[in-house]
């Protein structure tokens, strides 16, 4: 991890080379993309959990359906 003084020096050098608006835009874009990636990771995890739950329900339905099909309604 970069310490505070060297990080400040890095930002100062970047500002001198490319300009303040470019540096601020790059920092904001980096933060935005990091937040977006975290949200995508969470979404992917929730989708995997949902798929597992659907498979579990489908298995229960298939097992229950197979047992109930053996009994015919004779009324």
Protein backbone atom coordinates (compact mmCIF):
# COMPACT_ATOMS: atom_id res chain seq x y z
CA UNK A 1 0.00 0.00 0.00
CA UNK A 2 1.19 3.48 -0.80
CA UNK A 3 1.77 5.75 2.20
CA UNK A 4 0.16 9.19 2.39
CA UNK A 5 3.21 11.24 1.34
CA UNK A 6 4.08 9.18 -1.72
CA UNK A 7 0.40 9.00 -2.70
CA UNK A 8 0.16 12.79 -2.52
CA UNK A 9 3.35 13.10 -4.57
CA UNK A 10 1.91 10.72 -7.14
CA UNK A 11 -1.28 12.77 -7.43
CA UNK A 12 0.72 15.99 -7.69
CA UNK A 13 2.82 14.50 -10.48
CA UNK A 14 -0.29 13.25 -12.31
CA UNK A 15 -1.95 16.65 -12.01
CA UNK A 16 1.18 18.32 -13.39
CA UNK A 17 1.35 15.88 -16.31
CA UNK A 18 -2.26 15.54 -17.42
CA UNK A 19 -4.23 18.19 -15.56
CA UNK A 20 -6.56 18.32 -12.58
CA UNK A 21 -9.83 17.46 -14.37
CA UNK A 22 -8.33 14.33 -15.92
CA UNK A 23 -6.99 13.10 -12.56
CA UNK A 24 -10.31 13.75 -10.81
CA UNK A 25 -12.21 12.00 -13.61
CA UNK A 26 -9.87 8.99 -13.41
CA UNK A 27 -10.25 8.75 -9.62
CA UNK A 28 -14.04 8.99 -9.84
CA UNK A 29 -14.18 6.45 -12.66
CA UNK A 30 -12.02 4.05 -10.64
CA UNK A 31 -14.32 4.36 -7.61
CA UNK A 32 -17.41 3.97 -9.77
CA UNK A 33 -16.09 0.86 -11.48
CA UNK A 34 -15.02 -0.71 -8.18
CA UNK A 35 -18.50 -0.18 -6.75
CA UNK A 36 -20.06 -1.58 -9.91
CA UNK A 37 -17.85 -4.67 -9.78
CA UNK A 38 -18.84 -5.32 -6.17
CA UNK A 39 -22.49 -5.07 -7.10
CA UNK A 40 -22.00 -7.44 -10.03
CA UNK A 41 -20.25 -9.94 -7.76
CA UNK A 42 -23.16 -9.77 -5.32
CA UNK A 43 -25.65 -10.19 -8.15
CA UNK A 44 -23.79 -13.21 -9.50
CA UNK A 45 -23.74 -14.80 -6.04
CA UNK A 46 -27.48 -14.22 -5.57
CA UNK A 47 -28.20 -15.70 -9.02
CA UNK A 48 -26.22 -18.83 -8.13
CA UNK A 49 -28.20 -19.15 -4.90
CA UNK A 50 -31.45 -18.74 -6.84
CA UNK A 51 -30.44 -21.38 -9.37
CA UNK A 52 -29.59 -23.80 -6.54
CA UNK A 53 -32.99 -23.13 -4.92
CA UNK A 54 -34.78 -23.71 -8.22
CA UNK A 55 -32.95 -27.01 -8.73
CA UNK A 56 -33.84 -28.05 -5.20
CA UNK A 57 -37.52 -27.22 -5.73
CA UNK A 58 -37.55 -28.99 -9.08
CA UNK A 59 -36.06 -32.11 -7.49
CA UNK A 60 -38.69 -32.05 -4.73
CA UNK A 61 -41.47 -31.61 -7.29
CA UNK A 62 -40.12 -34.43 -9.44
CA UNK A 63 -39.83 -36.73 -6.44
CA UNK A 64 -43.30 -35.81 -5.15
CA UNK A 65 -44.79 -36.08 -8.64
CA UNK A 66 -43.37 -39.55 -9.15
CA UNK A 67 -44.84 -40.78 -5.88
CA UNK A 68 -48.26 -39.25 -6.47
CA UNK A 69 -48.48 -40.57 -10.04
CA UNK A 70 -48.41 -44.12 -8.70
CA UNK A 71 -51.73 -43.47 -6.97
CA UNK A 72 -54.60 -43.03 -9.39
CA UNK A 73 -57.77 -41.21 -8.55
CA UNK A 74 -60.49 -43.87 -8.62
CA UNK A 75 -63.48 -41.68 -7.80
